[in-house]
């Protein structure tokens, strides 16, 4: 009888564990703090940059042609400097990330190596937050992991985390996805882009730096400055730049937190 009871206890435990259904994806080092992720398309492996500030998911023209995908039209986006970037498009691309097969109705088509330094190792595309719009995602960049949560595991993921004020932006043509977090200062709200692809310093716009009474000198790094996200604060040095946002968080700042993002309900929790 004890043996049977133990068996059923183990069976129940196994069902509970499998019910969480988490899919942990390991990020690989690239250049500086930038990270890549392995992507499988129709059984073939590719190396994509993982960039939470990328706006849209991109594949190279080489991949599109290899899988006989039509390249057409154009989409317009902006770099943080305000520089216009135009990409073409391709439809119906399925990518496996971890063990999750994710269907992309449309992706951008761009040779990302044309805008990276020539000495950088080849990457085949960019995985942005747009790829996870049907999921709940946990980012733990300090441990180089992203976790695609199941319905049940997401409840555990947000336990003891704090809901933070956020904005989800979908770009000029509703084809992008960027997340901005509220950082308060002197009773005003400033909105900072969540940008894991920013391997350099945390950035402030010239206007933000001026109202925060920090240096406007673009060649001089600001001293350690406190930043508050939700109920948790961190300190960081920053640079002032002519950018189109109030500010841009960098990889290092994001490592101070664990983020759980519910894309369907546009919510962000942090720990």
C-alpha atoms as a PDB file:
ATOM      1  CA  UNK A   1       0.000   0.000   0.000  1.00  0.00           C
ATOM      2  CA  UNK A   2       2.844   2.387   0.891  1.00  0.00           C
ATOM      3  CA  UNK A   3       4.524   1.588  -2.415  1.00  0.00           C
ATOM      4  CA  UNK A   4       1.332   2.378  -4.341  1.00  0.00           C
ATOM      5  CA  UNK A   5       0.852   5.618  -2.394  1.00  0.00           C
ATOM      6  CA  UNK A   6       4.432   6.665  -3.085  1.00  0.00           C
ATOM      7  CA  UNK A   7       3.928   5.905  -6.773  1.00  0.00           C
ATOM      8  CA  UNK A   8       0.841   8.117  -6.964  1.00  0.00           C
ATOM      9  CA  UNK A   9       2.640  10.882  -5.051  1.00  0.00           C
ATOM     10  CA  UNK A  10       5.496  10.743  -7.547  1.00  0.00           C
ATOM     11  CA  UNK A  11       3.047  10.648 -10.443  1.00  0.00           C
ATOM     12  CA  UNK A  12       1.262  13.740  -9.105  1.00  0.00           C
ATOM     13  CA  UNK A  13       4.602  15.492  -8.576  1.00  0.00           C
ATOM     14  CA  UNK A  14       5.605  14.672 -12.148  1.00  0.00           C
ATOM     15  CA  UNK A  15       2.356  16.063 -13.507  1.00  0.00           C
ATOM     16  CA  UNK A  16       2.864  19.237 -11.485  1.00  0.00           C
ATOM     17  CA  UNK A  17       6.395  19.679 -12.787  1.00  0.00           C
ATOM     18  CA  UNK A  18       5.434  19.044 -16.393  1.00  0.00           C
ATOM     19  CA  UNK A  19       2.495  21.412 -15.940  1.00  0.00           C
ATOM     20  CA  UNK A  20       4.864  24.331 -15.570  1.00  0.00           C
ATOM     21  CA  UNK A  21       6.099  23.700 -19.093  1.00  0.00           C
ATOM     22  CA  UNK A  22       8.891  26.267 -18.951  1.00  0.00           C
ATOM     23  CA  UNK A  23      11.242  26.462 -21.894  1.00  0.00           C
ATOM     24  CA  UNK A  24      14.604  27.888 -20.855  1.00  0.00           C
ATOM     25  CA  UNK A  25      16.677  29.335 -23.682  1.00  0.00           C
ATOM     26  CA  UNK A  26      20.365  30.040 -23.215  1.00  0.00           C
ATOM     27  CA  UNK A  27      21.853  33.188 -24.671  1.00  0.00           C
ATOM     28  CA  UNK A  28      25.345  33.012 -26.116  1.00  0.00           C
ATOM     29  CA  UNK A  29      28.044  35.709 -25.934  1.00  0.00           C
ATOM     30  CA  UNK A  30      28.653  37.786 -29.041  1.00  0.00           C
ATOM     31  CA  UNK A  31      30.499  41.120 -28.886  1.00  0.00           C
ATOM     32  CA  UNK A  32      30.803  43.110 -25.638  1.00  0.00           C
ATOM     33  CA  UNK A  33      27.494  42.537 -23.782  1.00  0.00           C
ATOM     34  CA  UNK A  34      25.487  41.624 -26.884  1.00  0.00           C
ATOM     35  CA  UNK A  35      23.960  38.146 -26.957  1.00  0.00           C
ATOM     36  CA  UNK A  36      22.868  35.714 -29.638  1.00  0.00           C
ATOM     37  CA  UNK A  37      20.351  32.891 -29.667  1.00  0.00           C
ATOM     38  CA  UNK A  38      20.191  29.757 -31.764  1.00  0.00           C
ATOM     39  CA  UNK A  39      17.286  29.717 -34.210  1.00  0.00           C
ATOM     40  CA  UNK A  40      16.210  26.725 -36.290  1.00  0.00           C
ATOM     41  CA  UNK A  41      14.350  27.261 -39.565  1.00  0.00           C
ATOM     42  CA  UNK A  42      13.169  24.122 -41.342  1.00  0.00           C
ATOM     43  CA  UNK A  43      15.832  22.038 -39.629  1.00  0.00           C
ATOM     44  CA  UNK A  44      18.736  24.410 -40.303  1.00  0.00           C
ATOM     45  CA  UNK A  45      20.526  26.260 -37.510  1.00  0.00           C
ATOM     46  CA  UNK A  46      21.201  29.982 -37.533  1.00  0.00           C
ATOM     47  CA  UNK A  47      22.728  32.503 -35.159  1.00  0.00           C
ATOM     48  CA  UNK A  48      20.484  35.503 -34.416  1.00  0.00           C
ATOM     49  CA  UNK A  49      21.160  38.562 -32.272  1.00  0.00           C
ATOM     50  CA  UNK A  50      18.768  38.788 -29.309  1.00  0.00           C
ATOM     51  CA  UNK A  51      17.738  42.429 -28.953  1.00  0.00           C
ATOM     52  CA  UNK A  52      14.839  43.648 -26.804  1.00  0.00           C
ATOM     53  CA  UNK A  53      15.175  47.098 -28.368  1.00  0.00           C
ATOM     54  CA  UNK A  54      15.242  45.827 -31.943  1.00  0.00           C
ATOM     55  CA  UNK A  55      11.613  46.656 -32.660  1.00  0.00           C
ATOM     56  CA  UNK A  56      11.122  43.917 -35.220  1.00  0.00           C
ATOM     57  CA  UNK A  57      12.437  40.436 -35.947  1.00  0.00           C
ATOM     58  CA  UNK A  58      14.709  40.285 -38.988  1.00  0.00           C
ATOM     59  CA  UNK A  59      16.083  37.615 -41.285  1.00  0.00           C
ATOM     60  CA  UNK A  60      18.832  38.019 -43.855  1.00  0.00           C
ATOM     61  CA  UNK A  61      18.031  38.139 -47.590  1.00  0.00           C
ATOM     62  CA  UNK A  62      20.138  34.985 -47.838  1.00  0.00           C
ATOM     63  CA  UNK A  63      17.715  33.077 -45.572  1.00  0.00           C
ATOM     64  CA  UNK A  64      14.658  34.388 -47.403  1.00  0.00           C
ATOM     65  CA  UNK A  65      16.056  33.298 -50.766  1.00  0.00           C
ATOM     66  CA  UNK A  66      17.240  29.938 -49.424  1.00  0.00           C
ATOM     67  CA  UNK A  67      13.701  29.045 -48.341  1.00  0.00           C
ATOM     68  CA  UNK A  68      12.077  30.559 -51.434  1.00  0.00           C
ATOM     69  CA  UNK A  69      10.325  33.293 -49.473  1.00  0.00           C
ATOM     70  CA  UNK A  70       9.128  36.271 -51.449  1.00  0.00           C
ATOM     71  CA  UNK A  71      10.851  39.522 -50.522  1.00  0.00           C
ATOM     72  CA  UNK A  72       8.589  42.508 -51.080  1.00  0.00           C
ATOM     73  CA  UNK A  73       7.533  46.005 -50.029  1.00  0.00           C
ATOM     74  CA  UNK A  74       9.159  48.065 -47.325  1.00  0.00           C
ATOM     75  CA  UNK A  75       8.774  49.048 -43.699  1.00  0.00           C
ATOM     76  CA  UNK A  76      10.221  52.140 -42.056  1.00  0.00           C
ATOM     77  CA  UNK A  77      11.734  52.329 -38.597  1.00  0.00           C
ATOM     78  CA  UNK A  78      14.054  54.602 -36.661  1.00  0.00           C
ATOM     79  CA  UNK A  79      17.273  54.037 -34.798  1.00  0.00           C
ATOM     80  CA  UNK A  80      17.524  55.791 -31.446  1.00  0.00           C
ATOM     81  CA  UNK A  81      19.556  58.536 -33.136  1.00  0.00           C
ATOM     82  CA  UNK A  82      16.590  59.301 -35.366  1.00  0.00           C
ATOM     83  CA  UNK A  83      18.234  57.728 -38.419  1.00  0.00           C
ATOM     84  CA  UNK A  84      15.645  56.171 -40.732  1.00  0.00           C
ATOM     85  CA  UNK A  85      15.994  52.483 -41.493  1.00  0.00           C
ATOM     86  CA  UNK A  86      14.034  50.852 -44.297  1.00  0.00           C
ATOM     87  CA  UNK A  87      13.701  47.095 -44.551  1.00  0.00           C
ATOM     88  CA  UNK A  88      11.839  44.843 -46.915  1.00  0.00           C
ATOM     89  CA  UNK A  89       9.463  42.139 -45.741  1.00  0.00           C
ATOM     90  CA  UNK A  90       8.772  38.431 -46.051  1.00  0.00           C
ATOM     91  CA  UNK A  91       5.804  36.376 -44.847  1.00  0.00           C
ATOM     92  CA  UNK A  92       5.104  33.092 -43.101  1.00  0.00           C
ATOM     93  CA  UNK A  93       8.414  32.235 -41.428  1.00  0.00           C
ATOM     94  CA  UNK A  94       8.407  29.587 -38.690  1.00  0.00           C
ATOM     95  CA  UNK A  95      11.338  29.615 -36.292  1.00  0.00           C
ATOM     96  CA  UNK A  96      12.120  27.197 -33.492  1.00  0.00           C
ATOM     97  CA  UNK A  97      13.638  28.941 -30.474  1.00  0.00           C
ATOM     98  CA  UNK A  98      14.451  26.525 -27.677  1.00  0.00           C
ATOM     99  CA  UNK A  99      11.744  23.914 -28.112  1.00  0.00           C
ATOM    100  CA  UNK A 100       9.099  26.448 -29.150  1.00  0.00           C
ATOM    101  CA  UNK A 101       8.074  26.689 -32.778  1.00  0.00           C
ATOM    102  CA  UNK A 102       7.012  30.277 -33.305  1.00  0.00           C
ATOM    103  CA  UNK A 103       5.159  31.339 -36.427  1.00  0.00           C
ATOM    104  CA  UNK A 104       5.911  34.809 -37.735  1.00  0.00           C
ATOM    105  CA  UNK A 105       3.228  36.169 -40.091  1.00  0.00           C
ATOM    106  CA  UNK A 106       5.726  38.790 -41.309  1.00  0.00           C
ATOM    107  CA  UNK A 107       9.386  39.538 -40.622  1.00  0.00           C
ATOM    108  CA  UNK A 108      11.742  42.226 -41.830  1.00  0.00           C
ATOM    109  CA  UNK A 109      14.425  41.330 -44.353  1.00  0.00           C
ATOM    110  CA  UNK A 110      17.787  43.016 -43.838  1.00  0.00           C
ATOM    111  CA  UNK A 111      21.426  42.019 -43.918  1.00  0.00           C
ATOM    112  CA  UNK A 112      22.219  43.109 -40.373  1.00  0.00           C
ATOM    113  CA  UNK A 113      25.953  42.865 -41.139  1.00  0.00           C
ATOM    114  CA  UNK A 114      25.644  45.970 -43.334  1.00  0.00           C
ATOM    115  CA  UNK A 115      25.061  48.117 -40.235  1.00  0.00           C
ATOM    116  CA  UNK A 116      27.553  46.354 -37.947  1.00  0.00           C
ATOM    117  CA  UNK A 117      31.333  46.827 -37.946  1.00  0.00           C
ATOM    118  CA  UNK A 118      33.017  44.652 -40.581  1.00  0.00           C
ATOM    119  CA  UNK A 119      35.102  42.801 -38.001  1.00  0.00           C
ATOM    120  CA  UNK A 120      32.031  41.471 -36.140  1.00  0.00           C
ATOM    121  CA  UNK A 121      31.303  37.741 -36.586  1.00  0.00           C
ATOM    122  CA  UNK A 122      28.417  36.935 -38.914  1.00  0.00           C
ATOM    123  CA  UNK A 123      24.889  36.814 -37.565  1.00  0.00           C
ATOM    124  CA  UNK A 124      21.892  35.779 -39.616  1.00  0.00           C
ATOM    125  CA  UNK A 125      19.140  37.971 -38.211  1.00  0.00           C
ATOM    126  CA  UNK A 126      17.616  39.557 -35.115  1.00  0.00           C
ATOM    127  CA  UNK A 127      15.181  38.085 -32.611  1.00  0.00           C
ATOM    128  CA  UNK A 128      13.179  40.921 -31.065  1.00  0.00           C
ATOM    129  CA  UNK A 129      10.365  40.973 -28.527  1.00  0.00           C
ATOM    130  CA  UNK A 130       8.003  40.883 -31.504  1.00  0.00           C
ATOM    131  CA  UNK A 131       8.683  37.140 -31.757  1.00  0.00           C
ATOM    132  CA  UNK A 132       7.070  36.531 -28.365  1.00  0.00           C
ATOM    133  CA  UNK A 133       3.802  38.440 -28.713  1.00  0.00           C
ATOM    134  CA  UNK A 134       1.726  35.331 -27.934  1.00  0.00           C
ATOM    135  CA  UNK A 135       3.772  34.373 -24.879  1.00  0.00           C
ATOM    136  CA  UNK A 136       4.779  35.309 -21.361  1.00  0.00           C
ATOM    137  CA  UNK A 137       8.536  35.778 -21.186  1.00  0.00           C
ATOM    138  CA  UNK A 138      10.967  35.949 -18.275  1.00  0.00           C
ATOM    139  CA  UNK A 139      14.294  37.700 -18.907  1.00  0.00           C
ATOM    140  CA  UNK A 140      17.199  36.968 -16.593  1.00  0.00           C
ATOM    141  CA  UNK A 141      20.065  38.566 -18.448  1.00  0.00           C
ATOM    142  CA  UNK A 142      22.409  38.264 -15.483  1.00  0.00           C
ATOM    143  CA  UNK A 143      22.203  34.490 -16.061  1.00  0.00           C
ATOM    144  CA  UNK A 144      21.981  34.761 -19.849  1.00  0.00           C
ATOM    145  CA  UNK A 145      18.582  33.087 -19.977  1.00  0.00           C
ATOM    146  CA  UNK A 146      15.157  33.806 -21.360  1.00  0.00           C
ATOM    147  CA  UNK A 147      12.241  31.629 -20.324  1.00  0.00           C
ATOM    148  CA  UNK A 148       9.070  31.126 -22.319  1.00  0.00           C
ATOM    149  CA  UNK A 149       6.481  30.558 -19.616  1.00  0.00           C
ATOM    150  CA  UNK A 150       3.440  28.319 -19.747  1.00  0.00           C
ATOM    151  CA  UNK A 151       0.126  29.437 -18.280  1.00  0.00           C
ATOM    152  CA  UNK A 152       0.858  27.658 -14.998  1.00  0.00           C
ATOM    153  CA  UNK A 153       4.547  28.565 -14.707  1.00  0.00           C
ATOM    154  CA  UNK A 154       3.772  32.234 -15.306  1.00  0.00           C
ATOM    155  CA  UNK A 155       1.905  32.384 -11.996  1.00  0.00           C
ATOM    156  CA  UNK A 156       5.036  31.278 -10.205  1.00  0.00           C
ATOM    157  CA  UNK A 157       7.168  33.623 -12.305  1.00  0.00           C
ATOM    158  CA  UNK A 158       5.317  36.761 -11.163  1.00  0.00           C
ATOM    159  CA  UNK A 159       5.089  35.653  -7.525  1.00  0.00           C
ATOM    160  CA  UNK A 160       6.869  38.258  -5.361  1.00  0.00           C
ATOM    161  CA  UNK A 161       7.618  40.403  -8.389  1.00  0.00           C
ATOM    162  CA  UNK A 162       6.305  43.953  -8.630  1.00  0.00           C
ATOM    163  CA  UNK A 163       4.120  45.244 -11.451  1.00  0.00           C
ATOM    164  CA  UNK A 164       5.789  48.297 -12.998  1.00  0.00           C
ATOM    165  CA  UNK A 165       4.491  51.128 -15.133  1.00  0.00           C
ATOM    166  CA  UNK A 166       5.217  50.343 -18.774  1.00  0.00           C
ATOM    167  CA  UNK A 167       4.284  51.203 -22.331  1.00  0.00           C
ATOM    168  CA  UNK A 168       4.171  48.800 -25.277  1.00  0.00           C
ATOM    169  CA  UNK A 169       4.810  50.536 -28.610  1.00  0.00           C
ATOM    170  CA  UNK A 170       4.137  48.951 -32.003  1.00  0.00           C
ATOM    171  CA  UNK A 171       5.771  51.425 -34.390  1.00  0.00           C
ATOM    172  CA  UNK A 172       4.541  53.418 -37.347  1.00  0.00           C
ATOM    173  CA  UNK A 173       2.849  50.489 -39.102  1.00  0.00           C
ATOM    174  CA  UNK A 174       1.907  48.407 -36.027  1.00  0.00           C
ATOM    175  CA  UNK A 175       4.542  45.843 -37.005  1.00  0.00           C
ATOM    176  CA  UNK A 176       7.069  46.465 -34.221  1.00  0.00           C
ATOM    177  CA  UNK A 177       7.215  45.884 -30.492  1.00  0.00           C
ATOM    178  CA  UNK A 178       9.232  47.936 -28.042  1.00  0.00           C
ATOM    179  CA  UNK A 179       8.773  48.279 -24.299  1.00  0.00           C
ATOM    180  CA  UNK A 180       9.352  51.470 -22.329  1.00  0.00           C
ATOM    181  CA  UNK A 181       9.596  51.567 -18.537  1.00  0.00           C
ATOM    182  CA  UNK A 182       8.662  54.560 -16.411  1.00  0.00           C
ATOM    183  CA  UNK A 183      11.546  56.093 -14.454  1.00  0.00           C
ATOM    184  CA  UNK A 184      10.299  58.925 -12.234  1.00  0.00           C
ATOM    185  CA  UNK A 185      12.333  62.024 -11.459  1.00  0.00           C
ATOM    186  CA  UNK A 186      11.207  65.183  -9.640  1.00  0.00           C
ATOM    187  CA  UNK A 187       7.538  64.133  -9.897  1.00  0.00           C
ATOM    188  CA  UNK A 188       7.775  63.685 -13.677  1.00  0.00           C
ATOM    189  CA  UNK A 189       7.636  60.477 -15.724  1.00  0.00           C
ATOM    190  CA  UNK A 190      10.462  59.612 -18.089  1.00  0.00           C
ATOM    191  CA  UNK A 191      10.164  56.646 -20.443  1.00  0.00           C
ATOM    192  CA  UNK A 192      13.242  54.522 -21.070  1.00  0.00           C
ATOM    193  CA  UNK A 193      13.565  51.934 -23.821  1.00  0.00           C
ATOM    194  CA  UNK A 194      14.246  48.388 -22.629  1.00  0.00           C
ATOM    195  CA  UNK A 195      17.271  47.637 -24.825  1.00  0.00           C
ATOM    196  CA  UNK A 196      19.398  44.551 -24.205  1.00  0.00           C
ATOM    197  CA  UNK A 197      21.188  45.269 -27.487  1.00  0.00           C
ATOM    198  CA  UNK A 198      22.654  48.442 -25.982  1.00  0.00           C
ATOM    199  CA  UNK A 199      26.006  46.989 -24.924  1.00  0.00           C
ATOM    200  CA  UNK A 200      27.366  50.435 -24.125  1.00  0.00           C
ATOM    201  CA  UNK A 201      26.378  52.845 -21.353  1.00  0.00           C
ATOM    202  CA  UNK A 202      22.894  53.820 -20.255  1.00  0.00           C
ATOM    203  CA  UNK A 203      21.800  56.779 -22.382  1.00  0.00           C
ATOM    204  CA  UNK A 204      19.925  59.993 -21.627  1.00  0.00           C
ATOM    205  CA  UNK A 205      18.577  62.417 -24.199  1.00  0.00           C
ATOM    206  CA  UNK A 206      20.003  65.924 -24.103  1.00  0.00           C
ATOM    207  CA  UNK A 207      16.619  67.150 -22.828  1.00  0.00           C
ATOM    208  CA  UNK A 208      16.487  64.558 -20.047  1.00  0.00           C
ATOM    209  CA  UNK A 209      20.057  65.312 -18.988  1.00  0.00           C
ATOM    210  CA  UNK A 210      19.271  69.031 -18.861  1.00  0.00           C
ATOM    211  CA  UNK A 211      16.167  68.675 -16.680  1.00  0.00           C
ATOM    212  CA  UNK A 212      17.996  66.184 -14.442  1.00  0.00           C
ATOM    213  CA  UNK A 213      20.800  68.758 -14.153  1.00  0.00           C
ATOM    214  CA  UNK A 214      23.401  66.384 -15.535  1.00  0.00           C
ATOM    215  CA  UNK A 215      26.161  67.106 -18.010  1.00  0.00           C
ATOM    216  CA  UNK A 216      25.099  67.988 -21.558  1.00  0.00           C
ATOM    217  CA  UNK A 217      28.622  67.231 -22.782  1.00  0.00           C
ATOM    218  CA  UNK A 218      28.338  64.251 -25.111  1.00  0.00           C
ATOM    219  CA  UNK A 219      32.006  63.357 -24.611  1.00  0.00           C
ATOM    220  CA  UNK A 220      31.787  63.264 -20.819  1.00  0.00           C
ATOM    221  CA  UNK A 221      30.239  60.464 -18.818  1.00  0.00           C
ATOM    222  CA  UNK A 222      27.807  61.537 -16.108  1.00  0.00           C
ATOM    223  CA  UNK A 223      28.579  60.554 -12.540  1.00  0.00           C
ATOM    224  CA  UNK A 224      26.759  57.737 -10.765  1.00  0.00           C
ATOM    225  CA  UNK A 225      23.070  58.565 -10.876  1.00  0.00           C
ATOM    226  CA  UNK A 226      20.201  56.804  -9.062  1.00  0.00           C
ATOM    227  CA  UNK A 227      17.417  55.333 -11.201  1.00  0.00           C
ATOM    228  CA  UNK A 228      14.160  53.898  -9.884  1.00  0.00           C
ATOM    229  CA  UNK A 229      12.108  51.230 -11.650  1.00  0.00           C
ATOM    230  CA  UNK A 230       9.047  50.197  -9.656  1.00  0.00           C
ATOM    231  CA  UNK A 231      10.094  49.717  -6.042  1.00  0.00           C
ATOM    232  CA  UNK A 232      13.719  48.930  -6.796  1.00  0.00           C
ATOM    233  CA  UNK A 233      16.552  51.325  -7.545  1.00  0.00           C
ATOM    234  CA  UNK A 234      20.000  51.037  -9.060  1.00  0.00           C
ATOM    235  CA  UNK A 235      22.833  53.437  -9.779  1.00  0.00           C
ATOM    236  CA  UNK A 236      24.584  53.810 -13.093  1.00  0.00           C
ATOM    237  CA  UNK A 237      26.807  56.144 -15.028  1.00  0.00           C
ATOM    238  CA  UNK A 238      25.303  57.451 -18.242  1.00  0.00           C
ATOM    239  CA  UNK A 239      26.111  59.296 -21.430  1.00  0.00           C
ATOM    240  CA  UNK A 240      24.128  62.157 -22.945  1.00  0.00           C
ATOM    241  CA  UNK A 241      23.135  61.658 -26.577  1.00  0.00           C
ATOM    242  CA  UNK A 242      20.816  63.213 -29.170  1.00  0.00           C
ATOM    243  CA  UNK A 243      18.256  60.399 -29.131  1.00  0.00           C
ATOM    244  CA  UNK A 244      14.529  60.256 -29.846  1.00  0.00           C
ATOM    245  CA  UNK A 245      13.634  58.783 -26.442  1.00  0.00           C
ATOM    246  CA  UNK A 246      13.877  60.125 -22.879  1.00  0.00           C
ATOM    247  CA  UNK A 247      16.468  57.452 -22.233  1.00  0.00           C
ATOM    248  CA  UNK A 248      17.671  53.976 -23.131  1.00  0.00           C
ATOM    249  CA  UNK A 249      18.449  51.262 -20.616  1.00  0.00           C
ATOM    250  CA  UNK A 250      21.452  49.099 -21.409  1.00  0.00           C
ATOM    251  CA  UNK A 251      22.342  45.451 -20.903  1.00  0.00           C
ATOM    252  CA  UNK A 252      24.151  46.157 -17.632  1.00  0.00           C
ATOM    253  CA  UNK A 253      21.174  47.981 -16.102  1.00  0.00           C
ATOM    254  CA  UNK A 254      18.806  45.215 -17.198  1.00  0.00           C
ATOM    255  CA  UNK A 255      21.021  42.691 -15.401  1.00  0.00           C
ATOM    256  CA  UNK A 256      19.947  44.354 -12.118  1.00  0.00           C
ATOM    257  CA  UNK A 257      16.444  42.926 -12.555  1.00  0.00           C
ATOM    258  CA  UNK A 258      14.545  39.830 -13.557  1.00  0.00           C
ATOM    259  CA  UNK A 259      11.686  40.791 -15.877  1.00  0.00           C
ATOM    260  CA  UNK A 260       8.504  38.851 -16.569  1.00  0.00           C
ATOM    261  CA  UNK A 261       6.574  40.240 -19.531  1.00  0.00           C
ATOM    262  CA  UNK A 262       2.975  39.390 -20.405  1.00  0.00           C
ATOM    263  CA  UNK A 263       2.665  40.482 -24.022  1.00  0.00           C
ATOM    264  CA  UNK A 264      -1.040  39.731 -24.388  1.00  0.00           C
ATOM    265  CA  UNK A 265      -1.996  41.971 -21.475  1.00  0.00           C
ATOM    266  CA  UNK A 266       0.851  44.504 -21.843  1.00  0.00           C
ATOM    267  CA  UNK A 267       2.244  44.064 -18.353  1.00  0.00           C
ATOM    268  CA  UNK A 268       5.761  43.937 -16.939  1.00  0.00           C
ATOM    269  CA  UNK A 269       6.819  42.628 -13.525  1.00  0.00           C
ATOM    270  CA  UNK A 270      10.303  42.926 -12.032  1.00  0.00           C
ATOM    271  CA  UNK A 271      12.244  41.357  -9.213  1.00  0.00           C
END
